[in-house]
Amino acid sequence: MDPESGEQTELLRGIWNEMKALGQNLGGRIDQTNARLDAVRTELSARIADTSARIDQTNARIDAMRSDFGQALAGVETRLGSELRSLAGAVQGVSELLRQRAVERERLAECEEDIAELKGRVERVEQRLGG
């Protein structure tokens, strides 16, 4: 073996040893990174589960509110229908009263005309008799 060849061999062995050390070091770093990723994954899974539970609770509250609102709306619709029927009856009653008053006004006008005519006749009769 020539001296250069021994030197190259030593140089290559040094490089090889550094590569092995680097590989062991990188393996440890990769394991640490994987452990941190697993911890993050576990934490995120817990947070997602918590968020899902809160969403489920919110949905349950919304469903309950929707049901309560539906029942309240049905009650309001019932009362509103009843009040509308009452109002329609009252409007009908007022309309009938207005019609009656119109008839009464017409009749009153006729009576006043008749009274005026009778007064005129009475005056003429009195004038003939008395004077």
N, C-alpha and C. Protein backbone atom coordinates (compact mmCIF):
# COMPACT_ATOMS: atom_id res chain seq x y z
N MET A 1 0.83 -1.16 0.00
CA MET A 1 0.00 0.00 0.00
C MET A 1 0.88 1.23 0.00
N ASP A 2 0.54 2.14 -0.81
CA ASP A 2 1.34 3.35 -0.82
C ASP A 2 0.84 4.33 0.22
N PRO A 3 1.67 5.28 0.62
CA PRO A 3 1.29 6.18 1.70
C PRO A 3 0.03 6.99 1.37
N GLU A 4 -0.14 7.32 0.11
CA GLU A 4 -1.32 8.08 -0.25
C GLU A 4 -2.57 7.25 -0.08
N SER A 5 -2.48 6.03 -0.42
CA SER A 5 -3.61 5.13 -0.31
C SER A 5 -4.00 4.96 1.15
N GLY A 6 -3.07 4.86 2.06
CA GLY A 6 -3.35 4.75 3.49
C GLY A 6 -3.97 6.04 4.01
N GLU A 7 -3.47 7.14 3.49
CA GLU A 7 -4.01 8.44 3.89
C GLU A 7 -5.46 8.58 3.42
N GLN A 8 -5.73 8.17 2.21
CA GLN A 8 -7.07 8.24 1.66
C GLN A 8 -8.01 7.32 2.44
N THR A 9 -7.47 6.15 2.82
CA THR A 9 -8.27 5.21 3.57
C THR A 9 -8.64 5.82 4.93
N GLU A 10 -7.67 6.43 5.57
CA GLU A 10 -7.93 7.08 6.86
C GLU A 10 -8.94 8.21 6.71
N LEU A 11 -8.77 8.97 5.64
CA LEU A 11 -9.69 10.07 5.37
C LEU A 11 -11.11 9.53 5.15
N LEU A 12 -11.20 8.47 4.38
CA LEU A 12 -12.52 7.86 4.12
C LEU A 12 -13.11 7.28 5.40
N ARG A 13 -12.23 6.65 6.26
CA ARG A 13 -12.73 6.13 7.53
C ARG A 13 -13.23 7.26 8.42
N GLY A 14 -12.54 8.39 8.44
CA GLY A 14 -12.97 9.55 9.22
C GLY A 14 -14.34 10.06 8.73
N ILE A 15 -14.45 10.13 7.40
CA ILE A 15 -15.73 10.58 6.83
C ILE A 15 -16.82 9.59 7.19
N TRP A 16 -16.51 8.30 7.08
CA TRP A 16 -17.49 7.25 7.41
C TRP A 16 -17.93 7.35 8.87
N ASN A 17 -16.99 7.53 9.77
CA ASN A 17 -17.31 7.64 11.20
C ASN A 17 -18.17 8.89 11.47
N GLU A 18 -17.85 9.98 10.80
CA GLU A 18 -18.66 11.19 10.96
C GLU A 18 -20.07 10.96 10.44
N MET A 19 -20.18 10.25 9.31
CA MET A 19 -21.49 9.96 8.76
C MET A 19 -22.31 9.08 9.71
N LYS A 20 -21.63 8.08 10.33
CA LYS A 20 -22.35 7.23 11.28
C LYS A 20 -22.81 8.05 12.49
N ALA A 21 -21.93 8.92 12.99
CA ALA A 21 -22.29 9.75 14.13
C ALA A 21 -23.43 10.70 13.76
N LEU A 22 -23.33 11.26 12.56
CA LEU A 22 -24.37 12.16 12.09
C LEU A 22 -25.69 11.39 11.93
N GLY A 23 -25.63 10.19 11.41
CA GLY A 23 -26.82 9.36 11.24
C GLY A 23 -27.46 9.06 12.59
N GLN A 24 -26.63 8.74 13.60
CA GLN A 24 -27.18 8.47 14.93
C GLN A 24 -27.79 9.74 15.51
N ASN A 25 -27.11 10.87 15.30
CA ASN A 25 -27.60 12.15 15.81
C ASN A 25 -28.90 12.52 15.10
N LEU A 26 -28.94 12.36 13.78
CA LEU A 26 -30.16 12.69 13.02
C LEU A 26 -31.29 11.76 13.42
N GLY A 27 -31.00 10.51 13.65
CA GLY A 27 -32.02 9.56 14.09
C GLY A 27 -32.64 9.99 15.40
N GLY A 28 -31.80 10.45 16.32
CA GLY A 28 -32.30 10.94 17.61
C GLY A 28 -33.17 12.18 17.43
N ARG A 29 -32.71 13.07 16.55
CA ARG A 29 -33.49 14.29 16.29
C ARG A 29 -34.83 13.95 15.63
N ILE A 30 -34.80 13.01 14.72
CA ILE A 30 -36.04 12.60 14.06
C ILE A 30 -36.99 11.98 15.07
N ASP A 31 -36.45 11.18 15.97
CA ASP A 31 -37.29 10.58 17.02
C ASP A 31 -37.90 11.67 17.91
N GLN A 32 -37.11 12.69 18.26
CA GLN A 32 -37.64 13.80 19.07
C GLN A 32 -38.74 14.55 18.32
N THR A 33 -38.47 14.80 17.03
CA THR A 33 -39.48 15.49 16.21
C THR A 33 -40.76 14.67 16.13
N ASN A 34 -40.61 13.36 15.93
CA ASN A 34 -41.79 12.49 15.87
C ASN A 34 -42.55 12.50 17.20
N ALA A 35 -41.81 12.51 18.31
CA ALA A 35 -42.46 12.55 19.62
C ALA A 35 -43.24 13.86 19.79
N ARG A 36 -42.62 14.98 19.36
CA ARG A 36 -43.34 16.27 19.44
C ARG A 36 -44.57 16.27 18.53
N LEU A 37 -44.43 15.71 17.34
CA LEU A 37 -45.59 15.63 16.43
C LEU A 37 -46.70 14.77 17.04
N ASP A 38 -46.32 13.68 17.69
CA ASP A 38 -47.34 12.83 18.34
C ASP A 38 -48.04 13.60 19.46
N ALA A 39 -47.29 14.39 20.22
CA ALA A 39 -47.88 15.18 21.30
C ALA A 39 -48.84 16.23 20.72
N VAL A 40 -48.42 16.88 19.63
CA VAL A 40 -49.28 17.87 18.99
C VAL A 40 -50.53 17.19 18.45
N ARG A 41 -50.38 16.03 17.83
CA ARG A 41 -51.52 15.28 17.29
C ARG A 41 -52.50 14.92 18.42
N THR A 42 -51.95 14.47 19.55
CA THR A 42 -52.80 14.11 20.69
C THR A 42 -53.55 15.34 21.21
N GLU A 43 -52.83 16.46 21.34
CA GLU A 43 -53.46 17.69 21.83
C GLU A 43 -54.54 18.18 20.86
N LEU A 44 -54.24 18.14 19.57
CA LEU A 44 -55.22 18.58 18.58
C LEU A 44 -56.44 17.66 18.57
N SER A 45 -56.21 16.36 18.72
CA SER A 45 -57.34 15.43 18.77
C SER A 45 -58.24 15.73 19.95
N ALA A 46 -57.64 16.05 21.10
CA ALA A 46 -58.43 16.39 22.29
C ALA A 46 -59.21 17.68 22.05
N ARG A 47 -58.55 18.66 21.43
CA ARG A 47 -59.23 19.93 21.16
C ARG A 47 -60.38 19.73 20.17
N ILE A 48 -60.14 18.92 19.15
CA ILE A 48 -61.19 18.66 18.16
C ILE A 48 -62.37 17.95 18.83
N ALA A 49 -62.07 16.99 19.69
CA ALA A 49 -63.14 16.28 20.40
C ALA A 49 -63.93 17.25 21.29
N ASP A 50 -63.22 18.14 21.96
CA ASP A 50 -63.88 19.14 22.82
C ASP A 50 -64.74 20.07 21.97
N THR A 51 -64.20 20.52 20.86
CA THR A 51 -64.95 21.40 19.96
C THR A 51 -66.18 20.68 19.42
N SER A 52 -66.03 19.43 19.04
CA SER A 52 -67.18 18.65 18.54
C SER A 52 -68.25 18.51 19.62
N ALA A 53 -67.83 18.28 20.85
CA ALA A 53 -68.79 18.17 21.95
C ALA A 53 -69.53 19.49 22.15
N ARG A 54 -68.81 20.60 22.08
CA ARG A 54 -69.46 21.90 22.24
C ARG A 54 -70.41 22.18 21.08
N ILE A 55 -70.04 21.79 19.88
CA ILE A 55 -70.92 21.96 18.73
C ILE A 55 -72.18 21.13 18.92
N ASP A 56 -72.02 19.90 19.40
CA ASP A 56 -73.19 19.04 19.66
C ASP A 56 -74.11 19.67 20.70
N GLN A 57 -73.52 20.24 21.76
CA GLN A 57 -74.32 20.91 22.79
C GLN A 57 -75.05 22.12 22.21
N THR A 58 -74.33 22.88 21.38
CA THR A 58 -74.94 24.05 20.74
C THR A 58 -76.09 23.63 19.84
N ASN A 59 -75.87 22.57 19.07
CA ASN A 59 -76.94 22.07 18.20
C ASN A 59 -78.15 21.62 19.02
N ALA A 60 -77.90 20.98 20.15
CA ALA A 60 -79.01 20.55 21.01
C ALA A 60 -79.78 21.76 21.54
N ARG A 61 -79.05 22.81 21.94
CA ARG A 61 -79.72 24.03 22.42
C ARG A 61 -80.52 24.69 21.30
N ILE A 62 -79.94 24.71 20.11
CA ILE A 62 -80.65 25.31 18.96
C ILE A 62 -81.91 24.51 18.66
N ASP A 63 -81.81 23.18 18.69
CA ASP A 63 -82.99 22.34 18.45
C ASP A 63 -84.07 22.61 19.50
N ALA A 64 -83.66 22.73 20.76
CA ALA A 64 -84.62 23.01 21.83
C ALA A 64 -85.25 24.39 21.62
N MET A 65 -84.44 25.37 21.25
CA MET A 65 -84.96 26.71 21.01
C MET A 65 -85.92 26.70 19.82
N ARG A 66 -85.57 25.95 18.78
CA ARG A 66 -86.42 25.86 17.59
C ARG A 66 -87.77 25.25 17.98
N SER A 67 -87.73 24.22 18.81
CA SER A 67 -88.96 23.57 19.26
C SER A 67 -89.79 24.54 20.10
N ASP A 68 -89.14 25.22 21.05
CA ASP A 68 -89.85 26.20 21.88
C ASP A 68 -90.44 27.31 21.02
N PHE A 69 -89.65 27.77 20.06
CA PHE A 69 -90.13 28.84 19.18
C PHE A 69 -91.32 28.36 18.36
N GLY A 70 -91.25 27.14 17.88
CA GLY A 70 -92.36 26.59 17.09
C GLY A 70 -93.63 26.52 17.92
N GLN A 71 -93.50 26.08 19.17
CA GLN A 71 -94.67 26.01 20.05
C GLN A 71 -95.21 27.41 20.35
N ALA A 72 -94.30 28.33 20.61
CA ALA A 72 -94.72 29.71 20.90
C ALA A 72 -95.40 30.31 19.67
N LEU A 73 -94.85 30.04 18.51
CA LEU A 73 -95.42 30.57 17.27
C LEU A 73 -96.81 29.98 17.04
N ALA A 74 -96.98 28.70 17.32
CA ALA A 74 -98.29 28.07 17.17
C ALA A 74 -99.30 28.74 18.11
N GLY A 75 -98.88 29.02 19.33
CA GLY A 75 -99.76 29.71 20.28
C GLY A 75 -100.12 31.11 19.81
N VAL A 76 -99.13 31.82 19.28
CA VAL A 76 -99.38 33.17 18.78
C VAL A 76 -100.34 33.10 17.59
N GLU A 77 -100.12 32.13 16.71
CA GLU A 77 -101.01 32.00 15.55
C GLU A 77 -102.44 31.71 15.99
N THR A 78 -102.59 30.87 17.00
CA THR A 78 -103.93 30.56 17.52
C THR A 78 -104.59 31.81 18.08
N ARG A 79 -103.85 32.53 18.93
CA ARG A 79 -104.40 33.76 19.51
C ARG A 79 -104.69 34.80 18.43
N LEU A 80 -103.78 34.90 17.47
CA LEU A 80 -103.98 35.87 16.40
C LEU A 80 -105.23 35.53 15.59
N GLY A 81 -105.42 34.25 15.29
CA GLY A 81 -106.61 33.83 14.56
C GLY A 81 -107.88 34.17 15.34
N SER A 82 -107.85 33.92 16.63
CA SER A 82 -109.00 34.22 17.48
C SER A 82 -109.28 35.72 17.49
N GLU A 83 -108.23 36.50 17.64
CA GLU A 83 -108.39 37.97 17.67
C GLU A 83 -108.88 38.48 16.32
N LEU A 84 -108.39 37.89 15.24
CA LEU A 84 -108.85 38.32 13.91
C LEU A 84 -110.33 38.02 13.72
N ARG A 85 -110.78 36.86 14.21
CA ARG A 85 -112.20 36.53 14.12
C ARG A 85 -113.02 37.53 14.94
N SER A 86 -112.53 37.86 16.14
CA SER A 86 -113.23 38.84 16.98
C SER A 86 -113.27 40.20 16.28
N LEU A 87 -112.16 40.58 15.70
CA LEU A 87 -112.09 41.87 15.00
C LEU A 87 -113.03 41.87 13.81
N ALA A 88 -113.08 40.77 13.07
CA ALA A 88 -113.99 40.69 11.92
C ALA A 88 -115.43 40.83 12.39
N GLY A 89 -115.76 40.19 13.51
CA GLY A 89 -117.11 40.32 14.06
C GLY A 89 -117.41 41.76 14.47
N ALA A 90 -116.44 42.42 15.09
CA ALA A 90 -116.64 43.81 15.51
C ALA A 90 -116.81 44.72 14.29
N VAL A 91 -116.00 44.50 13.27
CA VAL A 91 -116.11 45.31 12.05
C VAL A 91 -117.47 45.09 11.41
N GLN A 92 -117.92 43.86 11.39
CA GLN A 92 -119.24 43.56 10.83
C GLN A 92 -120.33 44.27 11.64
N GLY A 93 -120.19 44.26 12.96
CA GLY A 93 -121.16 44.95 13.81
C GLY A 93 -121.17 46.44 13.55
N VAL A 94 -119.99 47.04 13.43
CA VAL A 94 -119.91 48.48 13.15
C VAL A 94 -120.50 48.79 11.78
N SER A 95 -120.23 47.95 10.82
CA SER A 95 -120.79 48.16 9.47
C SER A 95 -122.32 48.12 9.52
N GLU A 96 -122.86 47.17 10.26
CA GLU A 96 -124.32 47.06 10.38
C GLU A 96 -124.89 48.31 11.05
N LEU A 97 -124.22 48.78 12.11
CA LEU A 97 -124.67 50.01 12.78
C LEU A 97 -124.65 51.20 11.82
N LEU A 98 -123.60 51.30 11.02
CA LEU A 98 -123.51 52.41 10.07
C LEU A 98 -124.63 52.33 9.03
N ARG A 99 -124.93 51.13 8.58
CA ARG A 99 -126.03 50.96 7.64
C ARG A 99 -127.36 51.37 8.28
N GLN A 100 -127.56 50.94 9.53
CA GLN A 100 -128.79 51.29 10.24
C GLN A 100 -128.90 52.80 10.41
N ARG A 101 -127.79 53.44 10.75
CA ARG A 101 -127.82 54.90 10.93
C ARG A 101 -128.15 55.60 9.63
N ALA A 102 -127.61 55.08 8.53
CA ALA A 102 -127.91 55.69 7.24
C ALA A 102 -129.41 55.58 6.94
N VAL A 103 -129.98 54.41 7.24
CA VAL A 103 -131.42 54.22 7.04
C VAL A 103 -132.19 55.15 7.96
N GLU A 104 -131.75 55.25 9.22
CA GLU A 104 -132.43 56.11 10.18
C GLU A 104 -132.33 57.57 9.76
N ARG A 105 -131.17 58.00 9.24
CA ARG A 105 -131.01 59.38 8.78
C ARG A 105 -131.97 59.67 7.63
N GLU A 106 -132.05 58.72 6.73
CA GLU A 106 -132.95 58.88 5.59
C GLU A 106 -134.40 58.98 6.08
N ARG A 107 -134.76 58.11 7.01
CA ARG A 107 -136.12 58.11 7.57
C ARG A 107 -136.39 59.41 8.32
N LEU A 108 -135.35 59.88 9.09
CA LEU A 108 -135.48 61.13 9.82
C LEU A 108 -135.70 62.29 8.86
N ALA A 109 -134.96 62.30 7.77
CA ALA A 109 -135.13 63.37 6.78
C ALA A 109 -136.54 63.34 6.21
N GLU A 110 -137.05 62.14 5.93
CA GLU A 110 -138.42 62.01 5.42
C GLU A 110 -139.42 62.53 6.46
N CYS A 111 -139.22 62.17 7.74
CA CYS A 111 -140.12 62.61 8.81
C CYS A 111 -140.09 64.13 8.94
N GLU A 112 -138.87 64.72 8.87
CA GLU A 112 -138.76 66.17 8.97
C GLU A 112 -139.48 66.84 7.81
N GLU A 113 -139.38 66.25 6.62
CA GLU A 113 -140.11 66.80 5.47
C GLU A 113 -141.63 66.71 5.71
N ASP A 114 -142.05 65.55 6.21
CA ASP A 114 -143.48 65.36 6.50
C ASP A 114 -143.96 66.37 7.55
N ILE A 115 -143.15 66.57 8.61
CA ILE A 115 -143.51 67.52 9.67
C ILE A 115 -143.62 68.92 9.09
N ALA A 116 -142.63 69.29 8.25
CA ALA A 116 -142.65 70.63 7.65
C ALA A 116 -143.90 70.78 6.78
N GLU A 117 -144.24 69.75 6.03
CA GLU A 117 -145.43 69.80 5.18
C GLU A 117 -146.69 69.92 6.04
N LEU A 118 -146.74 69.14 7.14
CA LEU A 118 -147.91 69.19 8.03
C LEU A 118 -148.03 70.56 8.68
N LYS A 119 -146.91 71.14 9.09
CA LYS A 119 -146.95 72.49 9.68
C LYS A 119 -147.51 73.48 8.66
N GLY A 120 -147.07 73.29 7.44
CA GLY A 120 -147.57 74.19 6.39
C GLY A 120 -149.07 74.03 6.21
N ARG A 121 -149.55 72.83 6.23
CA ARG A 121 -150.98 72.57 6.09
C ARG A 121 -151.75 73.18 7.27
N VAL A 122 -151.22 72.92 8.50
CA VAL A 122 -151.87 73.45 9.70
C VAL A 122 -151.95 74.96 9.59
N GLU A 123 -150.91 75.63 9.19
CA GLU A 123 -150.92 77.09 9.06
C GLU A 123 -151.95 77.53 8.05
N ARG A 124 -152.03 76.84 6.95
CA ARG A 124 -153.03 77.22 5.93
C ARG A 124 -154.45 77.01 6.44
N VAL A 125 -154.63 75.86 7.16
CA VAL A 125 -155.97 75.58 7.72
C VAL A 125 -156.31 76.67 8.73
N GLU A 126 -155.38 77.03 9.62
CA GLU A 126 -155.62 78.05 10.62
C GLU A 126 -155.92 79.40 9.96
N GLN A 127 -155.24 79.69 8.90
CA GLN A 127 -155.46 80.95 8.23
C GLN A 127 -156.85 80.97 7.60
N ARG A 128 -157.29 79.89 7.08
CA ARG A 128 -158.62 79.84 6.49
C ARG A 128 -159.70 79.94 7.57
N LEU A 129 -159.45 79.23 8.66
CA LEU A 129 -160.45 79.23 9.71
C LEU A 129 -160.44 80.53 10.52
N GLY A 130 -159.31 81.01 10.75
CA GLY A 130 -159.22 82.15 11.62
C GLY A 130 -159.12 83.46 10.87
N GLY A 131 -158.95 83.38 9.70
CA GLY A 131 -158.81 84.57 9.19
C GLY A 131 -158.90 85.34 8.06
